[in-house]
């Protein structure tokens, strides 16, 4: 039977490994986004984030680069933004033109 201290050590060790894996995944994601944006002639994350914040002021809490297949092929940056009232918004920016494609409240 495990004592509380052994269980705590195991739990903390597992959390440390998971945190390290998450940080590595974020680094890989950033490198992949940069490679795709350079190869496809897209806006940088910084340029797209400026466009997103112009469309919906607040704090960016998450960023993704998504390939769009419908209604027309292309790439979109998707930003999750929290506004001054604490409400979460989803903003999509066309990664080629910088035009906002969607600004909508994220209820979930």
PDB file of N, CA and C in Angstrom:
ATOM      1  N   UNK A   1       0.839  -1.187   0.000  1.00  0.00           N
ATOM      2  CA  UNK A   1       0.000   0.000   0.000  1.00  0.00           C
ATOM      3  C   UNK A   1       0.884   1.250   0.000  1.00  0.00           C
ATOM      4  N   UNK A   2       0.545   2.203  -0.837  1.00  0.00           N
ATOM      5  CA  UNK A   2       1.317   3.432  -0.925  1.00  0.00           C
ATOM      6  C   UNK A   2       0.955   4.371   0.212  1.00  0.00           C
ATOM      7  N   UNK A   3       1.961   5.014   0.743  1.00  0.00           N
ATOM      8  CA  UNK A   3       1.683   6.034   1.745  1.00  0.00           C
ATOM      9  C   UNK A   3       1.289   7.320   1.026  1.00  0.00           C
ATOM     10  N   UNK A   4       0.768   8.269   1.800  1.00  0.00           N
ATOM     11  CA  UNK A   4       0.357   9.539   1.201  1.00  0.00           C
ATOM     12  C   UNK A   4       1.544  10.254   0.570  1.00  0.00           C
ATOM     13  N   UNK A   5       2.710  10.209   1.209  1.00  0.00           N
ATOM     14  CA  UNK A   5       3.867  10.921   0.661  1.00  0.00           C
ATOM     15  C   UNK A   5       4.335  10.286  -0.645  1.00  0.00           C
ATOM     16  N   UNK A   6       4.310   8.955  -0.746  1.00  0.00           N
ATOM     17  CA  UNK A   6       4.700   8.298  -1.994  1.00  0.00           C
ATOM     18  C   UNK A   6       3.699   8.625  -3.097  1.00  0.00           C
ATOM     19  N   UNK A   7       2.424   8.615  -2.753  1.00  0.00           N
ATOM     20  CA  UNK A   7       1.391   8.946  -3.739  1.00  0.00           C
ATOM     21  C   UNK A   7       1.557  10.390  -4.216  1.00  0.00           C
ATOM     22  N   UNK A   8       1.900  11.284  -3.305  1.00  0.00           N
ATOM     23  CA  UNK A   8       2.105  12.688  -3.668  1.00  0.00           C
ATOM     24  C   UNK A   8       3.298  12.836  -4.600  1.00  0.00           C
ATOM     25  N   UNK A   9       4.367  12.112  -4.308  1.00  0.00           N
ATOM     26  CA  UNK A   9       5.564  12.177  -5.151  1.00  0.00           C
ATOM     27  C   UNK A   9       5.251  11.666  -6.551  1.00  0.00           C
ATOM     28  N   UNK A  10       4.536  10.555  -6.631  1.00  0.00           N
ATOM     29  CA  UNK A  10       4.172   9.994  -7.936  1.00  0.00           C
ATOM     30  C   UNK A  10       3.294  10.978  -8.704  1.00  0.00           C
ATOM     31  N   UNK A  11       2.318  11.559  -8.029  1.00  0.00           N
ATOM     32  CA  UNK A  11       1.413  12.509  -8.677  1.00  0.00           C
ATOM     33  C   UNK A  11       2.172  13.733  -9.175  1.00  0.00           C
ATOM     34  N   UNK A  12       3.041  14.295  -8.338  1.00  0.00           N
ATOM     35  CA  UNK A  12       3.815  15.471  -8.733  1.00  0.00           C
ATOM     36  C   UNK A  12       4.754  15.146  -9.889  1.00  0.00           C
ATOM     37  N   UNK A  13       5.343  13.969  -9.869  1.00  0.00           N
ATOM     38  CA  UNK A  13       6.229  13.563 -10.961  1.00  0.00           C
ATOM     39  C   UNK A  13       5.462  13.481 -12.273  1.00  0.00           C
ATOM     40  N   UNK A  14       4.271  12.894 -12.217  1.00  0.00           N
ATOM     41  CA  UNK A  14       3.458  12.774 -13.428  1.00  0.00           C
ATOM     42  C   UNK A  14       3.053  14.148 -13.953  1.00  0.00           C
ATOM     43  N   UNK A  15       2.711  15.058 -13.045  1.00  0.00           N
ATOM     44  CA  UNK A  15       2.341  16.409 -13.465  1.00  0.00           C
ATOM     45  C   UNK A  15       3.521  17.117 -14.115  1.00  0.00           C
ATOM     46  N   UNK A  16       4.715  16.919 -13.567  1.00  0.00           N
ATOM     47  CA  UNK A  16       5.917  17.521 -14.144  1.00  0.00           C
ATOM     48  C   UNK A  16       6.186  17.018 -15.549  1.00  0.00           C
ATOM     49  N   UNK A  17       6.043  15.722 -15.752  1.00  0.00           N
ATOM     50  CA  UNK A  17       6.243  15.138 -17.083  1.00  0.00           C
ATOM     51  C   UNK A  17       5.206  15.679 -18.058  1.00  0.00           C
ATOM     52  N   UNK A  18       3.951  15.758 -17.627  1.00  0.00           N
ATOM     53  CA  UNK A  18       2.895  16.267 -18.503  1.00  0.00           C
ATOM     54  C   UNK A  18       3.144  17.731 -18.863  1.00  0.00           C
ATOM     55  N   UNK A  19       3.605  18.529 -17.909  1.00  0.00           N
ATOM     56  CA  UNK A  19       3.889  19.940 -18.180  1.00  0.00           C
ATOM     57  C   UNK A  19       5.033  20.072 -19.181  1.00  0.00           C
ATOM     58  N   UNK A  20       6.064  19.253 -19.022  1.00  0.00           N
ATOM     59  CA  UNK A  20       7.192  19.288 -19.950  1.00  0.00           C
ATOM     60  C   UNK A  20       6.751  18.889 -21.354  1.00  0.00           C
ATOM     61  N   UNK A  21       5.897  17.881 -21.453  1.00  0.00           N
ATOM     62  CA  UNK A  21       5.402  17.446 -22.759  1.00  0.00           C
ATOM     63  C   UNK A  21       4.563  18.540 -23.406  1.00  0.00           C
ATOM     64  N   UNK A  22       3.752  19.230 -22.610  1.00  0.00           N
ATOM     65  CA  UNK A  22       2.915  20.305 -23.131  1.00  0.00           C
ATOM     66  C   UNK A  22       3.777  21.451 -23.649  1.00  0.00           C
ATOM     67  N   UNK A  23       4.816  21.820 -22.902  1.00  0.00           N
ATOM     68  CA  UNK A  23       5.707  22.897 -23.331  1.00  0.00           C
ATOM     69  C   UNK A  23       6.406  22.517 -24.631  1.00  0.00           C
ATOM     70  N   UNK A  24       6.829  21.271 -24.757  1.00  0.00           N
ATOM     71  CA  UNK A  24       7.475  20.807 -25.980  1.00  0.00           C
ATOM     72  C   UNK A  24       6.500  20.871 -27.149  1.00  0.00           C
ATOM     73  N   UNK A  25       5.253  20.468 -26.923  1.00  0.00           N
ATOM     74  CA  UNK A  25       4.245  20.506 -27.982  1.00  0.00           C
ATOM     75  C   UNK A  25       4.006  21.939 -28.438  1.00  0.00           C
ATOM     76  N   UNK A  26       3.970  22.899 -27.497  1.00  0.00           N
ATOM     77  CA  UNK A  26       3.777  24.298 -27.860  1.00  0.00           C
ATOM     78  C   UNK A  26       4.924  24.793 -28.727  1.00  0.00           C
ATOM     79  N   UNK A  27       6.164  24.417 -28.383  1.00  0.00           N
ATOM     80  CA  UNK A  27       7.321  24.808 -29.178  1.00  0.00           C
ATOM     81  C   UNK A  27       7.227  24.220 -30.582  1.00  0.00           C
ATOM     82  N   UNK A  28       6.851  22.942 -30.676  1.00  0.00           N
ATOM     83  CA  UNK A  28       6.697  22.298 -31.975  1.00  0.00           C
ATOM     84  C   UNK A  28       5.606  22.975 -32.783  1.00  0.00           C
ATOM     85  N   UNK A  29       4.493  23.312 -32.148  1.00  0.00           N
ATOM     86  CA  UNK A  29       3.394  23.973 -32.838  1.00  0.00           C
ATOM     87  C   UNK A  29       3.838  25.323 -33.391  1.00  0.00           C
ATOM     88  N   UNK A  30       4.574  26.096 -32.606  1.00  0.00           N
ATOM     89  CA  UNK A  30       5.038  27.410 -33.044  1.00  0.00           C
ATOM     90  C   UNK A  30       5.983  27.274 -34.236  1.00  0.00           C
ATOM     91  N   UNK A  31       6.865  26.297 -34.191  1.00  0.00           N
ATOM     92  CA  UNK A  31       7.793  26.075 -35.301  1.00  0.00           C
ATOM     93  C   UNK A  31       7.040  25.647 -36.556  1.00  0.00           C
ATOM     94  N   UNK A  32       6.030  24.798 -36.379  1.00  0.00           N
ATOM     95  CA  UNK A  32       5.236  24.338 -37.520  1.00  0.00           C
ATOM     96  C   UNK A  32       4.453  25.495 -38.138  1.00  0.00           C
ATOM     97  N   UNK A  33       3.849  26.334 -37.302  1.00  0.00           N
ATOM     98  CA  UNK A  33       3.094  27.489 -37.799  1.00  0.00           C
ATOM     99  C   UNK A  33       4.020  28.421 -38.571  1.00  0.00           C
ATOM    100  N   UNK A  34       5.210  28.665 -38.032  1.00  0.00           N
ATOM    101  CA  UNK A  34       6.163  29.546 -38.706  1.00  0.00           C
ATOM    102  C   UNK A  34       6.576  28.964 -40.058  1.00  0.00           C
ATOM    103  N   UNK A  35       6.830  27.665 -40.101  1.00  0.00           N
ATOM    104  CA  UNK A  35       7.234  27.020 -41.354  1.00  0.00           C
ATOM    105  C   UNK A  35       6.118  27.095 -42.395  1.00  0.00           C
ATOM    106  N   UNK A  36       4.889  26.830 -41.972  1.00  0.00           N
ATOM    107  CA  UNK A  36       3.751  26.882 -42.902  1.00  0.00           C
ATOM    108  C   UNK A  36       3.546  28.303 -43.411  1.00  0.00           C
ATOM    109  N   UNK A  37       3.587  29.276 -42.499  1.00  0.00           N
ATOM    110  CA  UNK A  37       3.331  30.659 -42.911  1.00  0.00           C
ATOM    111  C   UNK A  37       4.401  31.156 -43.882  1.00  0.00           C
ATOM    112  N   UNK A  38       5.657  30.777 -43.661  1.00  0.00           N
ATOM    113  CA  UNK A  38       6.720  31.183 -44.587  1.00  0.00           C
ATOM    114  C   UNK A  38       6.566  30.492 -45.938  1.00  0.00           C
ATOM    115  N   UNK A  39       6.305  29.195 -45.932  1.00  0.00           N
ATOM    116  CA  UNK A  39       6.193  28.433 -47.179  1.00  0.00           C
ATOM    117  C   UNK A  39       4.996  28.880 -48.017  1.00  0.00           C
ATOM    118  N   UNK A  40       3.897  29.223 -47.362  1.00  0.00           N
ATOM    119  CA  UNK A  40       2.666  29.579 -48.078  1.00  0.00           C
ATOM    120  C   UNK A  40       2.514  31.083 -48.297  1.00  0.00           C
ATOM    121  N   UNK A  41       3.471  31.877 -47.832  1.00  0.00           N
ATOM    122  CA  UNK A  41       3.383  33.321 -48.006  1.00  0.00           C
ATOM    123  C   UNK A  41       2.280  33.962 -47.187  1.00  0.00           C
ATOM    124  N   UNK A  42       2.096  33.464 -45.961  1.00  0.00           N
ATOM    125  CA  UNK A  42       1.033  33.957 -45.085  1.00  0.00           C
ATOM    126  C   UNK A  42       1.552  35.061 -44.173  1.00  0.00           C
ATOM    127  N   UNK A  43       0.614  35.767 -43.552  1.00  0.00           N
ATOM    128  CA  UNK A  43       0.976  36.723 -42.512  1.00  0.00           C
ATOM    129  C   UNK A  43       1.666  35.985 -41.371  1.00  0.00           C
ATOM    130  N   UNK A  44       2.511  36.692 -40.638  1.00  0.00           N
ATOM    131  CA  UNK A  44       3.091  36.101 -39.436  1.00  0.00           C
ATOM    132  C   UNK A  44       2.035  36.086 -38.337  1.00  0.00           C
ATOM    133  N   UNK A  45       2.292  35.318 -37.295  1.00  0.00           N
ATOM    134  CA  UNK A  45       1.369  35.287 -36.155  1.00  0.00           C
ATOM    135  C   UNK A  45       1.228  36.688 -35.575  1.00  0.00           C
ATOM    136  N   UNK A  46       2.338  37.425 -35.476  1.00  0.00           N
ATOM    137  CA  UNK A  46       2.306  38.780 -34.920  1.00  0.00           C
ATOM    138  C   UNK A  46       1.417  39.696 -35.761  1.00  0.00           C
ATOM    139  N   UNK A  47       1.586  39.649 -37.078  1.00  0.00           N
ATOM    140  CA  UNK A  47       0.762  40.487 -37.962  1.00  0.00           C
ATOM    141  C   UNK A  47      -0.717  40.128 -37.842  1.00  0.00           C
ATOM    142  N   UNK A  48      -1.007  38.833 -37.826  1.00  0.00           N
ATOM    143  CA  UNK A  48      -2.399  38.387 -37.718  1.00  0.00           C
ATOM    144  C   UNK A  48      -2.997  38.742 -36.363  1.00  0.00           C
ATOM    145  N   UNK A  49      -2.189  38.659 -35.301  1.00  0.00           N
ATOM    146  CA  UNK A  49      -2.712  38.990 -33.969  1.00  0.00           C
ATOM    147  C   UNK A  49      -3.065  40.471 -33.878  1.00  0.00           C
ATOM    148  N   UNK A  50      -2.294  41.327 -34.543  1.00  0.00           N
ATOM    149  CA  UNK A  50      -2.624  42.754 -34.573  1.00  0.00           C
ATOM    150  C   UNK A  50      -3.966  42.983 -35.267  1.00  0.00           C
ATOM    151  N   UNK A  51      -4.212  42.257 -36.352  1.00  0.00           N
ATOM    152  CA  UNK A  51      -5.494  42.360 -37.068  1.00  0.00           C
ATOM    153  C   UNK A  51      -6.642  41.859 -36.184  1.00  0.00           C
ATOM    154  N   UNK A  52      -6.397  40.755 -35.458  1.00  0.00           N
ATOM    155  CA  UNK A  52      -7.436  40.192 -34.583  1.00  0.00           C
ATOM    156  C   UNK A  52      -7.787  41.163 -33.466  1.00  0.00           C
ATOM    157  N   UNK A  53      -6.770  41.779 -32.866  1.00  0.00           N
ATOM    158  CA  UNK A  53      -7.021  42.722 -31.770  1.00  0.00           C
ATOM    159  C   UNK A  53      -7.669  44.010 -32.272  1.00  0.00           C
ATOM    160  N   UNK A  54      -7.439  44.370 -33.527  1.00  0.00           N
ATOM    161  CA  UNK A  54      -8.141  45.523 -34.105  1.00  0.00           C
ATOM    162  C   UNK A  54      -9.624  45.193 -34.278  1.00  0.00           C
ATOM    163  N   UNK A  55      -9.915  43.929 -34.606  1.00  0.00           N
ATOM    164  CA  UNK A  55     -11.310  43.504 -34.783  1.00  0.00           C
ATOM    165  C   UNK A  55     -12.021  43.309 -33.453  1.00  0.00           C
ATOM    166  N   UNK A  56     -11.285  42.851 -32.425  1.00  0.00           N
ATOM    167  CA  UNK A  56     -11.877  42.616 -31.104  1.00  0.00           C
ATOM    168  C   UNK A  56     -10.801  42.874 -30.052  1.00  0.00           C
ATOM    169  N   UNK A  57     -10.795  44.071 -29.476  1.00  0.00           N
ATOM    170  CA  UNK A  57      -9.790  44.378 -28.455  1.00  0.00           C
ATOM    171  C   UNK A  57      -9.904  43.454 -27.242  1.00  0.00           C
ATOM    172  N   UNK A  58      -8.780  43.130 -26.660  1.00  0.00           N
ATOM    173  CA  UNK A  58      -8.739  42.271 -25.482  1.00  0.00           C
ATOM    174  C   UNK A  58      -7.382  41.622 -25.346  1.00  0.00           C
ATOM    175  N   UNK A  59      -7.371  40.453 -24.732  1.00  0.00           N
ATOM    176  CA  UNK A  59      -6.146  39.691 -24.517  1.00  0.00           C
ATOM    177  C   UNK A  59      -6.255  38.361 -25.244  1.00  0.00           C
ATOM    178  N   UNK A  60      -5.271  38.062 -26.083  1.00  0.00           N
ATOM    179  CA  UNK A  60      -5.256  36.784 -26.794  1.00  0.00           C
ATOM    180  C   UNK A  60      -4.829  35.695 -25.820  1.00  0.00           C
ATOM    181  N   UNK A  61      -5.647  34.637 -25.723  1.00  0.00           N
ATOM    182  CA  UNK A  61      -5.338  33.530 -24.813  1.00  0.00           C
ATOM    183  C   UNK A  61      -4.999  32.239 -25.553  1.00  0.00           C
ATOM    184  N   UNK A  62      -5.297  32.182 -26.853  1.00  0.00           N
ATOM    185  CA  UNK A  62      -4.950  30.990 -27.633  1.00  0.00           C
ATOM    186  C   UNK A  62      -4.919  31.359 -29.108  1.00  0.00           C
ATOM    187  N   UNK A  63      -4.023  30.693 -29.840  1.00  0.00           N
ATOM    188  CA  UNK A  63      -3.861  30.942 -31.268  1.00  0.00           C
ATOM    189  C   UNK A  63      -3.706  29.620 -32.000  1.00  0.00           C
ATOM    190  N   UNK A  64      -4.381  29.489 -33.138  1.00  0.00           N
ATOM    191  CA  UNK A  64      -4.239  28.310 -33.993  1.00  0.00           C
ATOM    192  C   UNK A  64      -4.154  28.766 -35.442  1.00  0.00           C
ATOM    193  N   UNK A  65      -3.488  27.956 -36.261  1.00  0.00           N
ATOM    194  CA  UNK A  65      -3.492  28.153 -37.705  1.00  0.00           C
ATOM    195  C   UNK A  65      -4.227  26.963 -38.295  1.00  0.00           C
ATOM    196  N   UNK A  66      -5.354  27.228 -38.948  1.00  0.00           N
ATOM    197  CA  UNK A  66      -6.201  26.156 -39.473  1.00  0.00           C
ATOM    198  C   UNK A  66      -6.284  26.236 -40.990  1.00  0.00           C
ATOM    199  N   UNK A  67      -6.224  25.069 -41.623  1.00  0.00           N
ATOM    200  CA  UNK A  67      -6.408  25.015 -43.068  1.00  0.00           C
ATOM    201  C   UNK A  67      -7.896  24.969 -43.371  1.00  0.00           C
ATOM    202  N   UNK A  68      -8.309  25.857 -44.266  1.00  0.00           N
ATOM    203  CA  UNK A  68      -9.715  25.972 -44.643  1.00  0.00           C
ATOM    204  C   UNK A  68      -9.924  25.260 -45.977  1.00  0.00           C
ATOM    205  N   UNK A  69     -10.975  24.471 -46.044  1.00  0.00           N
ATOM    206  CA  UNK A  69     -11.280  23.766 -47.289  1.00  0.00           C
ATOM    207  C   UNK A  69     -12.596  24.231 -47.915  1.00  0.00           C
ATOM    208  N   UNK A  70     -13.458  24.845 -47.122  1.00  0.00           N
ATOM    209  CA  UNK A  70     -14.760  25.256 -47.618  1.00  0.00           C
ATOM    210  C   UNK A  70     -15.095  26.606 -47.044  1.00  0.00           C
ATOM    211  N   UNK A  71     -15.663  27.522 -47.701  1.00  0.00           N
ATOM    212  CA  UNK A  71     -16.116  27.480 -49.083  1.00  0.00           C
ATOM    213  C   UNK A  71     -14.977  27.648 -50.089  1.00  0.00           C
ATOM    214  N   UNK A  72     -13.826  28.127 -49.646  1.00  0.00           N
ATOM    215  CA  UNK A  72     -12.672  28.206 -50.542  1.00  0.00           C
ATOM    216  C   UNK A  72     -11.431  27.804 -49.752  1.00  0.00           C
ATOM    217  N   UNK A  73     -10.491  27.195 -50.439  1.00  0.00           N
ATOM    218  CA  UNK A  73      -9.281  26.722 -49.765  1.00  0.00           C
ATOM    219  C   UNK A  73      -8.437  27.902 -49.295  1.00  0.00           C
ATOM    220  N   UNK A  74      -7.729  27.710 -48.212  1.00  0.00           N
ATOM    221  CA  UNK A  74      -6.857  28.741 -47.678  1.00  0.00           C
ATOM    222  C   UNK A  74      -6.497  28.440 -46.236  1.00  0.00           C
ATOM    223  N   UNK A  75      -5.958  29.427 -45.578  1.00  0.00           N
ATOM    224  CA  UNK A  75      -5.543  29.293 -44.183  1.00  0.00           C
ATOM    225  C   UNK A  75      -6.151  30.417 -43.364  1.00  0.00           C
ATOM    226  N   UNK A  76      -6.532  30.102 -42.134  1.00  0.00           N
ATOM    227  CA  UNK A  76      -7.042  31.096 -41.186  1.00  0.00           C
ATOM    228  C   UNK A  76      -6.283  30.987 -39.877  1.00  0.00           C
ATOM    229  N   UNK A  77      -5.954  32.138 -39.313  1.00  0.00           N
ATOM    230  CA  UNK A  77      -5.510  32.173 -37.923  1.00  0.00           C
ATOM    231  C   UNK A  77      -6.769  32.274 -37.077  1.00  0.00           C
ATOM    232  N   UNK A  78      -6.844  31.482 -36.040  1.00  0.00           N
ATOM    233  CA  UNK A  78      -7.982  31.537 -35.121  1.00  0.00           C
ATOM    234  C   UNK A  78      -7.461  31.980 -33.758  1.00  0.00           C
ATOM    235  N   UNK A  79      -8.027  33.057 -33.250  1.00  0.00           N
ATOM    236  CA  UNK A  79      -7.611  33.609 -31.963  1.00  0.00           C
ATOM    237  C   UNK A  79      -8.759  33.525 -30.969  1.00  0.00           C
ATOM    238  N   UNK A  80      -8.463  33.091 -29.755  1.00  0.00           N
ATOM    239  CA  UNK A  80      -9.398  33.201 -28.640  1.00  0.00           C
ATOM    240  C   UNK A  80      -8.985  34.442 -27.878  1.00  0.00           C
ATOM    241  N   UNK A  81      -9.920  35.372 -27.726  1.00  0.00           N
ATOM    242  CA  UNK A  81      -9.643  36.661 -27.090  1.00  0.00           C
ATOM    243  C   UNK A  81     -10.611  36.862 -25.939  1.00  0.00           C
ATOM    244  N   UNK A  82     -10.083  37.306 -24.805  1.00  0.00           N
ATOM    245  CA  UNK A  82     -10.916  37.666 -23.656  1.00  0.00           C
ATOM    246  C   UNK A  82     -10.962  39.187 -23.595  1.00  0.00           C
ATOM    247  N   UNK A  83     -12.191  39.736 -23.611  1.00  0.00           N
ATOM    248  CA  UNK A  83     -12.338  41.190 -23.606  1.00  0.00           C
ATOM    249  C   UNK A  83     -12.301  41.749 -22.185  1.00  0.00           C
ATOM    250  N   UNK A  84     -12.447  43.066 -22.063  1.00  0.00           N
ATOM    251  CA  UNK A  84     -12.351  43.746 -20.764  1.00  0.00           C
ATOM    252  C   UNK A  84     -13.441  43.318 -19.791  1.00  0.00           C
ATOM    253  N   UNK A  85     -14.552  42.789 -20.307  1.00  0.00           N
ATOM    254  CA  UNK A  85     -15.637  42.322 -19.445  1.00  0.00           C
ATOM    255  C   UNK A  85     -15.480  40.843 -19.078  1.00  0.00           C
ATOM    256  N   UNK A  86     -14.395  40.228 -19.529  1.00  0.00           N
ATOM    257  CA  UNK A  86     -14.146  38.827 -19.212  1.00  0.00           C
ATOM    258  C   UNK A  86     -14.858  37.855 -20.135  1.00  0.00           C
ATOM    259  N   UNK A  87     -15.428  38.354 -21.223  1.00  0.00           N
ATOM    260  CA  UNK A  87     -16.121  37.484 -22.174  1.00  0.00           C
ATOM    261  C   UNK A  87     -15.133  36.962 -23.214  1.00  0.00           C
ATOM    262  N   UNK A  88     -15.316  35.696 -23.588  1.00  0.00           N
ATOM    263  CA  UNK A  88     -14.415  35.062 -24.546  1.00  0.00           C
ATOM    264  C   UNK A  88     -14.984  35.178 -25.958  1.00  0.00           C
ATOM    265  N   UNK A  89     -14.109  35.519 -26.904  1.00  0.00           N
ATOM    266  CA  UNK A  89     -14.479  35.692 -28.304  1.00  0.00           C
ATOM    267  C   UNK A  89     -13.577  34.841 -29.186  1.00  0.00           C
ATOM    268  N   UNK A  90     -14.112  34.417 -30.313  1.00  0.00           N
ATOM    269  CA  UNK A  90     -13.330  33.714 -31.321  1.00  0.00           C
ATOM    270  C   UNK A  90     -13.226  34.624 -32.538  1.00  0.00           C
ATOM    271  N   UNK A  91     -11.995  34.891 -32.956  1.00  0.00           N
ATOM    272  CA  UNK A  91     -11.753  35.758 -34.105  1.00  0.00           C
ATOM    273  C   UNK A  91     -10.936  34.971 -35.124  1.00  0.00           C
ATOM    274  N   UNK A  92     -11.439  34.895 -36.353  1.00  0.00           N
ATOM    275  CA  UNK A  92     -10.709  34.243 -37.437  1.00  0.00           C
ATOM    276  C   UNK A  92     -10.217  35.315 -38.397  1.00  0.00           C
ATOM    277  N   UNK A  93      -8.927  35.231 -38.712  1.00  0.00           N
ATOM    278  CA  UNK A  93      -8.295  36.162 -39.635  1.00  0.00           C
ATOM    279  C   UNK A  93      -7.789  35.376 -40.842  1.00  0.00           C
ATOM    280  N   UNK A  94      -8.137  35.831 -42.056  1.00  0.00           N
ATOM    281  CA  UNK A  94      -7.607  35.193 -43.255  1.00  0.00           C
ATOM    282  C   UNK A  94      -6.087  35.367 -43.228  1.00  0.00           C
ATOM    283  N   UNK A  95      -5.368  34.263 -43.236  1.00  0.00           N
ATOM    284  CA  UNK A  95      -3.917  34.297 -43.059  1.00  0.00           C
ATOM    285  C   UNK A  95      -3.185  34.873 -44.266  1.00  0.00           C
ATOM    286  N   UNK A  96      -3.850  34.987 -45.385  1.00  0.00           N
ATOM    287  CA  UNK A  96      -3.233  35.543 -46.596  1.00  0.00           C
ATOM    288  C   UNK A  96      -3.491  37.044 -46.697  1.00  0.00           C
ATOM    289  N   UNK A  97      -4.751  37.448 -46.462  1.00  0.00           N
ATOM    290  CA  UNK A  97      -5.138  38.847 -46.680  1.00  0.00           C
ATOM    291  C   UNK A  97      -5.177  39.686 -45.407  1.00  0.00           C
ATOM    292  N   UNK A  98      -5.321  39.038 -44.255  1.00  0.00           N
ATOM    293  CA  UNK A  98      -5.448  39.765 -43.001  1.00  0.00           C
ATOM    294  C   UNK A  98      -6.864  40.233 -42.705  1.00  0.00           C
ATOM    295  N   UNK A  99      -7.810  39.882 -43.571  1.00  0.00           N
ATOM    296  CA  UNK A  99      -9.202  40.283 -43.366  1.00  0.00           C
ATOM    297  C   UNK A  99      -9.862  39.417 -42.297  1.00  0.00           C
ATOM    298  N   UNK A 100     -10.643  40.037 -41.393  1.00  0.00           N
ATOM    299  CA  UNK A 100     -11.398  39.235 -40.420  1.00  0.00           C
ATOM    300  C   UNK A 100     -12.461  38.403 -41.146  1.00  0.00           C
ATOM    301  N   UNK A 101     -12.507  37.119 -40.869  1.00  0.00           N
ATOM    302  CA  UNK A 101     -13.516  36.233 -41.469  1.00  0.00           C
ATOM    303  C   UNK A 101     -14.655  35.969 -40.495  1.00  0.00           C
ATOM    304  N   UNK A 102     -14.342  36.034 -39.199  1.00  0.00           N
ATOM    305  CA  UNK A 102     -15.382  35.762 -38.199  1.00  0.00           C
ATOM    306  C   UNK A 102     -14.986  36.435 -36.889  1.00  0.00           C
ATOM    307  N   UNK A 103     -15.948  37.072 -36.258  1.00  0.00           N
ATOM    308  CA  UNK A 103     -15.808  37.599 -34.901  1.00  0.00           C
ATOM    309  C   UNK A 103     -17.086  37.200 -34.188  1.00  0.00           C
ATOM    310  N   UNK A 104     -16.968  36.245 -33.273  1.00  0.00           N
ATOM    311  CA  UNK A 104     -18.183  35.806 -32.579  1.00  0.00           C
ATOM    312  C   UNK A 104     -17.880  35.443 -31.137  1.00  0.00           C
ATOM    313  N   UNK A 105     -18.875  35.626 -30.322  1.00  0.00           N
ATOM    314  CA  UNK A 105     -18.782  35.286 -28.904  1.00  0.00           C
ATOM    315  C   UNK A 105     -18.653  33.780 -28.765  1.00  0.00           C
ATOM    316  N   UNK A 106     -17.737  33.332 -27.930  1.00  0.00           N
ATOM    317  CA  UNK A 106     -17.509  31.906 -27.679  1.00  0.00           C
ATOM    318  C   UNK A 106     -18.160  31.566 -26.344  1.00  0.00           C
ATOM    319  N   UNK A 107     -19.295  30.879 -26.397  1.00  0.00           N
ATOM    320  CA  UNK A 107     -20.054  30.573 -25.189  1.00  0.00           C
ATOM    321  C   UNK A 107     -19.606  29.292 -24.513  1.00  0.00           C
ATOM    322  N   UNK A 108     -18.786  28.496 -25.170  1.00  0.00           N
ATOM    323  CA  UNK A 108     -18.414  27.215 -24.588  1.00  0.00           C
ATOM    324  C   UNK A 108     -16.967  27.195 -24.269  1.00  0.00           C
TER     325      UNK A 108
END
